[in-house]
Structures are given as C-alpha cells and as structure tokens.
C-alpha cells in the first residue's frame, strides 16, 4: 500500500524556520523524483521545489530560491523541505508528491501558517 505522509507544519512568525518531512512507503522511493507543492484556498496548487531520485538535480520556484532547500534521504525513504526566512505569503497547505513516469503519489498535506 502506497503511503506519502507529510509532517512538520505549524504556526510560525515571519522570519522563522520550519522543516517539513515527507515519509514514503509502498514503492521504491529511491527511484522516484520528489516534489513539494503548496495551495491556498481558492487558488491552484503551485509547484515549490523538486529533487531528482539521486539528489543530483533540484529546482525551485523563484519566490523561494535562497530561502527553501529540498533534500532527501533514500535510506530513510524521506524527503525534506527546509524553509527559512518564512514570509506571510508562504502560508499554505504543503503537499509532497512522488513521481516516476506516469505514476504520481500525493500526500494529504501539512499546514504552514506564517503570521505575527
């Protein structure tokens, strides 16, 4: 059974940091690219960051470059999103996605709220 479970969200003040985790099971994690997306109510889900299966390649949306870092630990079947210098506009529900060819597995998301 495939499972993708995000954790680590919460309420923080502007300028603070959070690290999101994405724990996967039920598929060969080390062969899948991993991505983080986010969504606010009433808006489309948007891409945030991605990492290749071997960590050789990463990509980010411009608004989070130099603040967010995506990483993965294939031995632990877990992907991470380190978020620094958080801004109110980063407030959203964050989702993890595992991708390989036509297969996409999504988690249920974790809420991140940045507010003073």
Protein backbone atom coordinates (compact mmCIF):
# COMPACT_ATOMS: atom_id res chain seq x y z
CA UNK A 1 0.00 0.00 0.00
CA UNK A 2 1.42 3.34 -1.09
CA UNK A 3 1.66 5.99 1.59
CA UNK A 4 3.01 9.53 1.41
CA UNK A 5 2.76 11.38 4.71
CA UNK A 6 3.80 14.97 5.29
CA UNK A 7 4.62 16.40 8.71
CA UNK A 8 6.33 19.36 10.31
CA UNK A 9 3.91 22.14 9.55
CA UNK A 10 2.75 24.65 12.10
CA UNK A 11 2.33 28.29 13.05
CA UNK A 12 5.46 30.43 12.98
CA UNK A 13 6.29 34.11 12.94
CA UNK A 14 7.78 35.88 9.92
CA UNK A 15 11.50 35.23 9.64
CA UNK A 16 11.38 31.90 11.43
CA UNK A 17 12.08 28.45 10.01
CA UNK A 18 10.33 25.12 9.61
CA UNK A 19 11.40 21.78 8.22
CA UNK A 20 8.78 19.67 6.51
CA UNK A 21 9.19 15.94 6.17
CA UNK A 22 7.63 13.57 3.66
CA UNK A 23 7.74 9.90 4.65
CA UNK A 24 7.01 7.41 1.88
CA UNK A 25 6.30 3.70 1.78
CA UNK A 26 4.85 1.10 -0.53
CA UNK A 27 7.02 1.92 -3.53
CA UNK A 28 10.71 2.11 -4.40
CA UNK A 29 11.36 5.56 -3.04
CA UNK A 30 14.90 5.82 -4.39
CA UNK A 31 13.68 5.67 -7.99
CA UNK A 32 11.12 8.47 -7.68
CA UNK A 33 11.60 12.18 -8.05
CA UNK A 34 10.12 14.09 -5.14
CA UNK A 35 8.42 17.45 -5.22
CA UNK A 36 6.75 19.88 -2.86
CA UNK A 37 3.69 21.88 -3.83
CA UNK A 38 1.55 24.31 -1.90
CA UNK A 39 -2.00 25.51 -2.10
CA UNK A 40 -4.11 28.22 -0.50
CA UNK A 41 -7.90 28.11 -0.53
CA UNK A 42 -9.34 29.35 -3.78
CA UNK A 43 -6.08 29.08 -5.69
CA UNK A 44 -4.46 26.39 -7.77
CA UNK A 45 -1.82 24.18 -6.27
CA UNK A 46 1.60 25.54 -7.19
CA UNK A 47 4.98 23.92 -7.57
CA UNK A 48 7.53 24.84 -4.90
CA UNK A 49 10.56 22.58 -5.26
CA UNK A 50 11.71 19.27 -6.70
CA UNK A 51 14.60 16.87 -6.36
CA UNK A 52 15.67 14.04 -8.61
CA UNK A 53 15.85 10.45 -7.43
CA UNK A 54 19.61 10.64 -6.80
CA UNK A 55 19.60 14.22 -5.47
CA UNK A 56 21.71 15.28 -8.44
CA UNK A 57 19.22 17.90 -9.55
CA UNK A 58 16.94 20.31 -7.73
CA UNK A 59 14.56 23.04 -8.82
CA UNK A 60 12.66 25.84 -7.11
CA UNK A 61 10.01 28.39 -7.79
CA UNK A 62 11.64 31.84 -7.90
CA UNK A 63 9.84 33.10 -4.81
CA UNK A 64 11.53 30.54 -2.53
CA UNK A 65 15.01 30.39 -4.04
CA UNK A 66 17.71 31.13 -1.44
CA UNK A 67 15.19 30.53 1.36
CA UNK A 68 14.00 26.93 0.88
CA UNK A 69 16.08 23.81 0.43
CA UNK A 70 14.78 20.46 -0.72
CA UNK A 71 16.63 17.28 0.18
CA UNK A 72 16.06 13.56 0.56
CA UNK A 73 17.39 10.58 2.41
CA UNK A 74 16.84 7.46 0.34
CA UNK A 75 17.91 5.24 3.22
CA UNK A 76 15.02 6.64 5.27
CA UNK A 77 12.51 6.92 2.40
CA UNK A 78 12.01 10.54 3.36
CA UNK A 79 12.14 13.89 1.61
CA UNK A 80 12.51 17.23 3.33
CA UNK A 81 11.82 20.88 2.74
CA UNK A 82 13.84 23.25 4.89
CA UNK A 83 12.11 26.61 4.91
CA UNK A 84 14.00 29.62 6.25
CA UNK A 85 13.10 33.29 6.45
CA UNK A 86 9.43 32.46 6.18
CA UNK A 87 7.06 35.15 4.96
CA UNK A 88 3.29 35.52 5.41
CA UNK A 89 2.88 34.77 1.70
CA UNK A 90 4.35 31.31 2.33
CA UNK A 91 1.20 30.45 4.27
CA UNK A 92 -0.39 27.45 2.55
CA UNK A 93 -1.00 23.75 2.81
CA UNK A 94 2.13 21.98 1.62
CA UNK A 95 1.92 18.73 -0.29
CA UNK A 96 4.53 16.15 -1.19
CA UNK A 97 4.47 14.28 -4.48
CA UNK A 98 6.40 11.25 -5.65
CA UNK A 99 6.77 10.92 -9.42
CA UNK A 100 8.06 8.27 -11.79
CA UNK A 101 6.96 8.39 -15.42
CA UNK A 102 3.14 8.34 -15.31
CA UNK A 103 2.93 7.44 -11.63
CA UNK A 104 2.24 10.22 -9.16
CA UNK A 105 1.60 9.71 -5.47
CA UNK A 106 0.40 12.58 -3.32
CA UNK A 107 0.21 13.05 0.41
CA UNK A 108 -2.58 14.75 2.35
CA UNK A 109 -0.54 17.84 3.11
CA UNK A 110 0.60 19.76 6.16
CA UNK A 111 -0.48 23.30 7.02
CA UNK A 112 2.09 26.07 7.30
CA UNK A 113 0.92 29.39 8.69
CA UNK A 114 3.25 32.38 8.90
CA UNK A 115 1.79 35.16 10.99
CA UNK A 116 2.79 37.64 13.65
